[in-house]
Amino acid sequence: MFNIVDFRQRFFFLVFSILLNSAGNALTISADLGSAVWTGSSVNLSNWIQIPLGTTLLLYGIVVTLLNQLLLGHFDRRRFISNLLYIIPFSYLVEFIGYFWQWLGVPNFSFTARLILNFVGLVAVAAAVSIYQRCNLIQHPNDDLSYILRFRFLHGSAIIAQWASYLPPVLIIIISFIATGQLHAIGIGTVFALVAQGAIMGWSDTHVFPNLKHHVDVVQASHHAG
């Protein structure tokens, strides 16, 4: 039975998580000591093709959304709409919140301050992913890519699926570096994200808004649809 109170709670946390995810990603970009792999690849792609970061993130997200449909082998309308509903606000929020961090002078802070803020941003991103995955109303296309790879091709292995989903952004980073000779938003924070993001997400599940539980019914329906 549909629970309007439960839906309102999930919607509130979804909006909060998108804002938190955007702010965290923008903070790691401004601190410039290493963003998560997908974010770092978007920054390098934006620098290479010379279009605004928000537009780059949006186009990137649309491409991954279409890739998800191809990997599914059939058109999944719910997934398609879900991916687009997430990526449209998220893309431009990252860009515009980034202007706020620049206005505060984050890029000019000391190395120690930027390092601390970089880690704060990465922890915020992991916590945000935990929150919106528990809400399970809409999903970032990158997370859906990992999910589809995991259950359709990799026999349920979360670790292998996560690494496989990193192949596209890693290729973008390499090609962008070859084309421009520059590397942005890749560094110690990227290594930290690769090693610790999963653990932080797991910790967040039980410590960040612990009253928000995983809505497994929707996940299972999505899995069967795929």
C-alpha atoms as a PDB file:
ATOM      1  CA  MET A   1       0.000   0.000   0.000  1.00  0.00           C
ATOM      2  CA  PHE A   2       1.312   3.476  -0.895  1.00  0.00           C
ATOM      3  CA  ASN A   3       2.466   5.407   2.182  1.00  0.00           C
ATOM      4  CA  ILE A   4       2.355   9.178   1.558  1.00  0.00           C
ATOM      5  CA  VAL A   5       4.259   9.997   4.776  1.00  0.00           C
ATOM      6  CA  ASP A   6       7.027   7.559   3.867  1.00  0.00           C
ATOM      7  CA  PHE A   7       7.186   8.967   0.323  1.00  0.00           C
ATOM      8  CA  ARG A   8       7.477  12.549   1.607  1.00  0.00           C
ATOM      9  CA  GLN A   9      10.321  11.540   3.910  1.00  0.00           C
ATOM     10  CA  ARG A  10      12.135   9.764   1.093  1.00  0.00           C
ATOM     11  CA  PHE A  11      11.613  12.716  -1.264  1.00  0.00           C
ATOM     12  CA  PHE A  12      12.974  15.166   1.339  1.00  0.00           C
ATOM     13  CA  PHE A  13      16.079  13.038   1.882  1.00  0.00           C
ATOM     14  CA  LEU A  14      16.491  12.624  -1.883  1.00  0.00           C
ATOM     15  CA  VAL A  15      16.570  16.405  -2.405  1.00  0.00           C
ATOM     16  CA  PHE A  16      18.974  16.795   0.510  1.00  0.00           C
ATOM     17  CA  SER A  17      21.249  14.074  -0.859  1.00  0.00           C
ATOM     18  CA  ILE A  18      21.406  15.670  -4.322  1.00  0.00           C
ATOM     19  CA  LEU A  19      22.420  18.981  -2.726  1.00  0.00           C
ATOM     20  CA  LEU A  20      24.967  17.241  -0.486  1.00  0.00           C
ATOM     21  CA  ASN A  21      26.365  15.208  -3.389  1.00  0.00           C
ATOM     22  CA  SER A  22      26.676  18.321  -5.555  1.00  0.00           C
ATOM     23  CA  ALA A  23      28.295  20.387  -2.798  1.00  0.00           C
ATOM     24  CA  GLY A  24      30.751  17.614  -1.923  1.00  0.00           C
ATOM     25  CA  ASN A  25      31.797  17.073  -5.526  1.00  0.00           C
ATOM     26  CA  ALA A  26      32.152  20.813  -6.111  1.00  0.00           C
ATOM     27  CA  LEU A  27      34.281  21.116  -2.966  1.00  0.00           C
ATOM     28  CA  THR A  28      36.701  18.413  -4.126  1.00  0.00           C
ATOM     29  CA  ILE A  29      37.003  20.162  -7.500  1.00  0.00           C
ATOM     30  CA  SER A  30      37.746  23.517  -5.849  1.00  0.00           C
ATOM     31  CA  ALA A  31      40.256  21.993  -3.414  1.00  0.00           C
ATOM     32  CA  ASP A  32      41.904  20.345  -6.459  1.00  0.00           C
ATOM     33  CA  LEU A  33      43.598  17.517  -4.563  1.00  0.00           C
ATOM     34  CA  GLY A  34      41.634  14.683  -6.121  1.00  0.00           C
ATOM     35  CA  SER A  35      37.956  14.072  -6.783  1.00  0.00           C
ATOM     36  CA  ALA A  36      36.144  10.780  -7.214  1.00  0.00           C
ATOM     37  CA  VAL A  37      36.938   9.093 -10.547  1.00  0.00           C
ATOM     38  CA  TRP A  38      33.762  10.059 -12.421  1.00  0.00           C
ATOM     39  CA  THR A  39      33.910  13.668 -11.223  1.00  0.00           C
ATOM     40  CA  GLY A  40      37.607  13.953 -12.045  1.00  0.00           C
ATOM     41  CA  SER A  41      37.023  12.630 -15.544  1.00  0.00           C
ATOM     42  CA  SER A  42      34.230  15.186 -16.072  1.00  0.00           C
ATOM     43  CA  VAL A  43      36.522  18.035 -15.043  1.00  0.00           C
ATOM     44  CA  ASN A  44      39.231  16.868 -17.436  1.00  0.00           C
ATOM     45  CA  LEU A  45      36.725  16.361 -20.248  1.00  0.00           C
ATOM     46  CA  SER A  46      35.309  19.859 -19.656  1.00  0.00           C
ATOM     47  CA  ASN A  47      38.810  21.327 -19.787  1.00  0.00           C
ATOM     48  CA  TRP A  48      39.561  19.405 -23.005  1.00  0.00           C
ATOM     49  CA  ILE A  49      36.433  20.201 -25.014  1.00  0.00           C
ATOM     50  CA  GLN A  50      36.090  23.688 -23.519  1.00  0.00           C
ATOM     51  CA  ILE A  51      32.436  23.636 -22.484  1.00  0.00           C
ATOM     52  CA  PRO A  52      31.058  24.449 -18.998  1.00  0.00           C
ATOM     53  CA  LEU A  53      31.350  21.747 -16.346  1.00  0.00           C
ATOM     54  CA  GLY A  54      27.574  21.593 -15.781  1.00  0.00           C
ATOM     55  CA  THR A  55      26.924  20.940 -19.465  1.00  0.00           C
ATOM     56  CA  THR A  56      29.745  18.370 -19.561  1.00  0.00           C
ATOM     57  CA  LEU A  57      28.275  16.526 -16.575  1.00  0.00           C
ATOM     58  CA  LEU A  58      24.823  16.589 -18.177  1.00  0.00           C
ATOM     59  CA  LEU A  59      26.036  15.244 -21.546  1.00  0.00           C
ATOM     60  CA  TYR A  60      28.186  12.666 -19.736  1.00  0.00           C
ATOM     61  CA  GLY A  61      25.167  11.549 -17.724  1.00  0.00           C
ATOM     62  CA  ILE A  62      22.979  11.272 -20.835  1.00  0.00           C
ATOM     63  CA  VAL A  63      25.615   9.117 -22.557  1.00  0.00           C
ATOM     64  CA  VAL A  64      25.819   6.802 -19.515  1.00  0.00           C
ATOM     65  CA  THR A  65      22.004   6.691 -19.353  1.00  0.00           C
ATOM     66  CA  LEU A  66      21.907   5.498 -22.988  1.00  0.00           C
ATOM     67  CA  LEU A  67      24.729   3.031 -22.296  1.00  0.00           C
ATOM     68  CA  ASN A  68      22.674   1.584 -19.445  1.00  0.00           C
ATOM     69  CA  GLN A  69      19.780   0.959 -21.815  1.00  0.00           C
ATOM     70  CA  LEU A  70      22.086  -0.777 -24.300  1.00  0.00           C
ATOM     71  CA  LEU A  71      23.536  -2.991 -21.571  1.00  0.00           C
ATOM     72  CA  LEU A  72      20.042  -3.941 -20.406  1.00  0.00           C
ATOM     73  CA  GLY A  73      19.217  -5.133 -23.922  1.00  0.00           C
ATOM     74  CA  HIS A  74      15.788  -3.494 -23.872  1.00  0.00           C
ATOM     75  CA  PHE A  75      14.255  -0.103 -23.107  1.00  0.00           C
ATOM     76  CA  ASP A  76      13.528   0.340 -19.399  1.00  0.00           C
ATOM     77  CA  ARG A  77      11.432   3.497 -19.175  1.00  0.00           C
ATOM     78  CA  ARG A  78      11.578   3.734 -15.391  1.00  0.00           C
ATOM     79  CA  ARG A  79      15.375   3.539 -15.348  1.00  0.00           C
ATOM     80  CA  PHE A  80      15.717   5.966 -18.264  1.00  0.00           C
ATOM     81  CA  ILE A  81      13.547   8.631 -16.628  1.00  0.00           C
ATOM     82  CA  SER A  82      15.124   7.996 -13.213  1.00  0.00           C
ATOM     83  CA  ASN A  83      18.640   8.570 -14.556  1.00  0.00           C
ATOM     84  CA  LEU A  84      17.677  11.793 -16.340  1.00  0.00           C
ATOM     85  CA  LEU A  85      15.760  13.163 -13.336  1.00  0.00           C
ATOM     86  CA  TYR A  86      18.885  12.769 -11.231  1.00  0.00           C
ATOM     87  CA  ILE A  87      21.527  14.022 -13.637  1.00  0.00           C
ATOM     88  CA  ILE A  88      19.768  17.227 -14.782  1.00  0.00           C
ATOM     89  CA  PRO A  89      19.716  19.086 -11.426  1.00  0.00           C
ATOM     90  CA  PHE A  90      22.922  17.441 -10.182  1.00  0.00           C
ATOM     91  CA  SER A  91      25.005  18.560 -13.177  1.00  0.00           C
ATOM     92  CA  TYR A  92      24.330  22.255 -12.856  1.00  0.00           C
ATOM     93  CA  LEU A  93      24.331  22.268  -9.056  1.00  0.00           C
ATOM     94  CA  VAL A  94      27.935  21.000  -9.106  1.00  0.00           C
ATOM     95  CA  GLU A  95      28.930  23.850 -11.415  1.00  0.00           C
ATOM     96  CA  PHE A  96      27.109  26.625  -9.559  1.00  0.00           C
ATOM     97  CA  ILE A  97      28.053  25.465  -6.047  1.00  0.00           C
ATOM     98  CA  GLY A  98      31.618  25.342  -7.370  1.00  0.00           C
ATOM     99  CA  TYR A  99      31.388  29.076  -8.057  1.00  0.00           C
ATOM    100  CA  PHE A 100      30.428  29.545  -4.397  1.00  0.00           C
ATOM    101  CA  TRP A 101      33.493  27.608  -3.171  1.00  0.00           C
ATOM    102  CA  GLN A 102      35.650  29.691  -5.514  1.00  0.00           C
ATOM    103  CA  TRP A 103      34.069  32.877  -4.148  1.00  0.00           C
ATOM    104  CA  LEU A 104      35.018  31.714  -0.640  1.00  0.00           C
ATOM    105  CA  GLY A 105      38.596  31.348  -1.902  1.00  0.00           C
ATOM    106  CA  VAL A 106      38.923  27.573  -1.431  1.00  0.00           C
ATOM    107  CA  PRO A 107      41.412  27.194  -4.364  1.00  0.00           C
ATOM    108  CA  ASN A 108      43.730  29.674  -2.602  1.00  0.00           C
ATOM    109  CA  PHE A 109      43.636  28.075   0.847  1.00  0.00           C
ATOM    110  CA  SER A 110      46.765  26.452   2.266  1.00  0.00           C
ATOM    111  CA  PHE A 111      47.604  22.911   1.229  1.00  0.00           C
ATOM    112  CA  THR A 112      46.571  21.551   4.644  1.00  0.00           C
ATOM    113  CA  ALA A 113      43.220  23.342   4.584  1.00  0.00           C
ATOM    114  CA  ARG A 114      42.499  22.194   1.022  1.00  0.00           C
ATOM    115  CA  LEU A 115      43.453  18.617   1.916  1.00  0.00           C
ATOM    116  CA  ILE A 116      41.051  18.604   4.871  1.00  0.00           C
ATOM    117  CA  LEU A 117      38.258  20.139   2.772  1.00  0.00           C
ATOM    118  CA  ASN A 118      38.948  17.655  -0.020  1.00  0.00           C
ATOM    119  CA  PHE A 119      38.421  14.743   2.368  1.00  0.00           C
ATOM    120  CA  VAL A 120      35.303  16.425   3.812  1.00  0.00           C
ATOM    121  CA  GLY A 121      33.933  16.684   0.279  1.00  0.00           C
ATOM    122  CA  LEU A 122      34.625  13.017  -0.461  1.00  0.00           C
ATOM    123  CA  VAL A 123      32.985  11.890   2.783  1.00  0.00           C
ATOM    124  CA  ALA A 124      29.970  14.097   1.942  1.00  0.00           C
ATOM    125  CA  VAL A 125      29.693  12.441  -1.483  1.00  0.00           C
ATOM    126  CA  ALA A 126      29.797   8.931  -0.009  1.00  0.00           C
ATOM    127  CA  ALA A 127      27.183   9.855   2.614  1.00  0.00           C
ATOM    128  CA  ALA A 128      24.972  11.418  -0.072  1.00  0.00           C
ATOM    129  CA  VAL A 129      25.128   8.262  -2.205  1.00  0.00           C
ATOM    130  CA  SER A 130      24.153   6.198   0.835  1.00  0.00           C
ATOM    131  CA  ILE A 131      21.159   8.481   1.465  1.00  0.00           C
ATOM    132  CA  TYR A 132      19.741   8.529  -2.048  1.00  0.00           C
ATOM    133  CA  GLN A 133      20.305   4.801  -2.518  1.00  0.00           C
ATOM    134  CA  ARG A 134      18.275   4.191   0.623  1.00  0.00           C
ATOM    135  CA  CYS A 135      15.543   6.521  -0.695  1.00  0.00           C
ATOM    136  CA  ASN A 136      15.675   4.611  -4.004  1.00  0.00           C
ATOM    137  CA  LEU A 137      13.344   6.959  -5.865  1.00  0.00           C
ATOM    138  CA  ILE A 138      15.735   7.942  -8.661  1.00  0.00           C
ATOM    139  CA  GLN A 139      19.340   6.931  -9.328  1.00  0.00           C
ATOM    140  CA  HIS A 140      22.467   8.554 -10.736  1.00  0.00           C
ATOM    141  CA  PRO A 141      23.199   6.828 -14.076  1.00  0.00           C
ATOM    142  CA  ASN A 142      26.750   5.990 -12.932  1.00  0.00           C
ATOM    143  CA  ASP A 143      25.383   3.976 -10.004  1.00  0.00           C
ATOM    144  CA  ASP A 144      22.894   2.267 -12.276  1.00  0.00           C
ATOM    145  CA  LEU A 145      25.755   1.336 -14.622  1.00  0.00           C
ATOM    146  CA  SER A 146      27.541  -0.453 -11.792  1.00  0.00           C
ATOM    147  CA  TYR A 147      24.297  -2.159 -10.741  1.00  0.00           C
ATOM    148  CA  ILE A 148      23.540  -3.416 -14.269  1.00  0.00           C
ATOM    149  CA  LEU A 149      27.102  -4.669 -14.768  1.00  0.00           C
ATOM    150  CA  ARG A 150      26.955  -6.428 -11.408  1.00  0.00           C
ATOM    151  CA  PHE A 151      23.753  -8.392 -11.945  1.00  0.00           C
ATOM    152  CA  ARG A 152      23.620  -8.799 -15.713  1.00  0.00           C
ATOM    153  CA  PHE A 153      27.243  -9.603 -16.506  1.00  0.00           C
ATOM    154  CA  LEU A 154      29.340 -10.202 -13.373  1.00  0.00           C
ATOM    155  CA  HIS A 155      27.390 -12.772 -11.352  1.00  0.00           C
ATOM    156  CA  GLY A 156      26.536 -10.321  -8.565  1.00  0.00           C
ATOM    157  CA  SER A 157      30.114  -9.264  -7.750  1.00  0.00           C
ATOM    158  CA  ALA A 158      29.873  -5.721  -6.367  1.00  0.00           C
ATOM    159  CA  ILE A 159      33.648  -5.181  -6.289  1.00  0.00           C
ATOM    160  CA  ILE A 160      34.309  -6.267  -9.879  1.00  0.00           C
ATOM    161  CA  ALA A 161      31.270  -4.305 -11.081  1.00  0.00           C
ATOM    162  CA  GLN A 162      32.527  -1.156  -9.366  1.00  0.00           C
ATOM    163  CA  TRP A 163      35.955  -1.457 -10.993  1.00  0.00           C
ATOM    164  CA  ALA A 164      34.430  -2.296 -14.387  1.00  0.00           C
ATOM    165  CA  SER A 165      32.229   0.803 -14.187  1.00  0.00           C
ATOM    166  CA  TYR A 166      35.375   2.919 -13.719  1.00  0.00           C
ATOM    167  CA  LEU A 167      36.747   1.969 -17.151  1.00  0.00           C
ATOM    168  CA  PRO A 168      34.900   4.734 -19.086  1.00  0.00           C
ATOM    169  CA  PRO A 169      35.998   7.612 -16.796  1.00  0.00           C
ATOM    170  CA  VAL A 170      39.583   6.307 -16.605  1.00  0.00           C
ATOM    171  CA  LEU A 171      39.733   6.216 -20.415  1.00  0.00           C
ATOM    172  CA  ILE A 172      38.364   9.776 -20.566  1.00  0.00           C
ATOM    173  CA  ILE A 173      41.023  10.946 -18.094  1.00  0.00           C
ATOM    174  CA  ILE A 174      43.819   9.309 -20.121  1.00  0.00           C
ATOM    175  CA  ILE A 175      42.572  10.660 -23.471  1.00  0.00           C
ATOM    176  CA  SER A 176      42.029  14.153 -22.021  1.00  0.00           C
ATOM    177  CA  PHE A 177      45.551  14.162 -20.594  1.00  0.00           C
ATOM    178  CA  ILE A 178      47.026  13.076 -23.937  1.00  0.00           C
ATOM    179  CA  ALA A 179      45.053  15.797 -25.733  1.00  0.00           C
ATOM    180  CA  THR A 180      45.776  18.681 -23.327  1.00  0.00           C
ATOM    181  CA  GLY A 181      48.880  17.679 -21.380  1.00  0.00           C
ATOM    182  CA  GLN A 182      46.999  18.705 -18.238  1.00  0.00           C
ATOM    183  CA  LEU A 183      45.471  16.768 -15.371  1.00  0.00           C
ATOM    184  CA  HIS A 184      42.781  18.257 -13.131  1.00  0.00           C
ATOM    185  CA  ALA A 185      40.960  17.030 -10.007  1.00  0.00           C
ATOM    186  CA  ILE A 186      43.029  13.839  -9.866  1.00  0.00           C
ATOM    187  CA  GLY A 187      45.261  13.195  -6.868  1.00  0.00           C
ATOM    188  CA  ILE A 188      45.401  11.796  -3.359  1.00  0.00           C
ATOM    189  CA  GLY A 189      41.668  12.316  -2.953  1.00  0.00           C
ATOM    190  CA  THR A 190      41.003  10.088  -5.959  1.00  0.00           C
ATOM    191  CA  VAL A 191      42.991   7.278  -4.336  1.00  0.00           C
ATOM    192  CA  PHE A 192      41.107   7.847  -1.078  1.00  0.00           C
ATOM    193  CA  ALA A 193      37.772   7.663  -2.928  1.00  0.00           C
ATOM    194  CA  LEU A 194      38.754   4.433  -4.681  1.00  0.00           C
ATOM    195  CA  VAL A 195      39.861   2.786  -1.436  1.00  0.00           C
ATOM    196  CA  ALA A 196      37.421   4.139   1.119  1.00  0.00           C
ATOM    197  CA  GLN A 197      34.197   5.285  -0.558  1.00  0.00           C
ATOM    198  CA  GLY A 198      32.475   1.908  -0.228  1.00  0.00           C
ATOM    199  CA  ALA A 199      33.368   1.651   3.451  1.00  0.00           C
ATOM    200  CA  ILE A 200      32.147   5.203   4.141  1.00  0.00           C
ATOM    201  CA  MET A 201      28.881   4.447   2.342  1.00  0.00           C
ATOM    202  CA  GLY A 202      28.449   1.333   4.511  1.00  0.00           C
ATOM    203  CA  TRP A 203      29.137   3.354   7.659  1.00  0.00           C
ATOM    204  CA  SER A 204      26.708   6.049   6.505  1.00  0.00           C
ATOM    205  CA  ASP A 205      23.940   3.468   6.070  1.00  0.00           C
ATOM    206  CA  THR A 206      23.813   2.985   9.830  1.00  0.00           C
ATOM    207  CA  HIS A 207      25.089   6.337  11.153  1.00  0.00           C
ATOM    208  CA  VAL A 208      23.808   9.078   8.809  1.00  0.00           C
ATOM    209  CA  PHE A 209      20.026   9.378   9.245  1.00  0.00           C
ATOM    210  CA  PRO A 210      19.819   5.761  10.504  1.00  0.00           C
ATOM    211  CA  ASN A 211      16.006   6.005  10.587  1.00  0.00           C
ATOM    212  CA  LEU A 212      16.077   6.070   6.770  1.00  0.00           C
ATOM    213  CA  LYS A 213      16.033   2.409   5.771  1.00  0.00           C
ATOM    214  CA  HIS A 214      16.796   0.748   2.439  1.00  0.00           C
ATOM    215  CA  HIS A 215      13.631   0.381   0.350  1.00  0.00           C
ATOM    216  CA  VAL A 216      14.423  -3.056  -0.984  1.00  0.00           C
ATOM    217  CA  ASP A 217      11.030  -3.554  -2.638  1.00  0.00           C
ATOM    218  CA  VAL A 218      11.812  -0.950  -5.302  1.00  0.00           C
ATOM    219  CA  VAL A 219      15.340  -2.330  -5.826  1.00  0.00           C
ATOM    220  CA  GLN A 220      13.982  -5.805  -6.426  1.00  0.00           C
ATOM    221  CA  ALA A 221      11.401  -4.504  -8.884  1.00  0.00           C
ATOM    222  CA  SER A 222      14.150  -2.622 -10.714  1.00  0.00           C
ATOM    223  CA  HIS A 223      16.321  -5.745 -10.754  1.00  0.00           C
ATOM    224  CA  HIS A 224      13.561  -7.872 -12.226  1.00  0.00           C
ATOM    225  CA  ALA A 225      12.875  -5.190 -14.829  1.00  0.00           C
ATOM    226  CA  GLY A 226      16.539  -5.432 -15.816  1.00  0.00           C
END
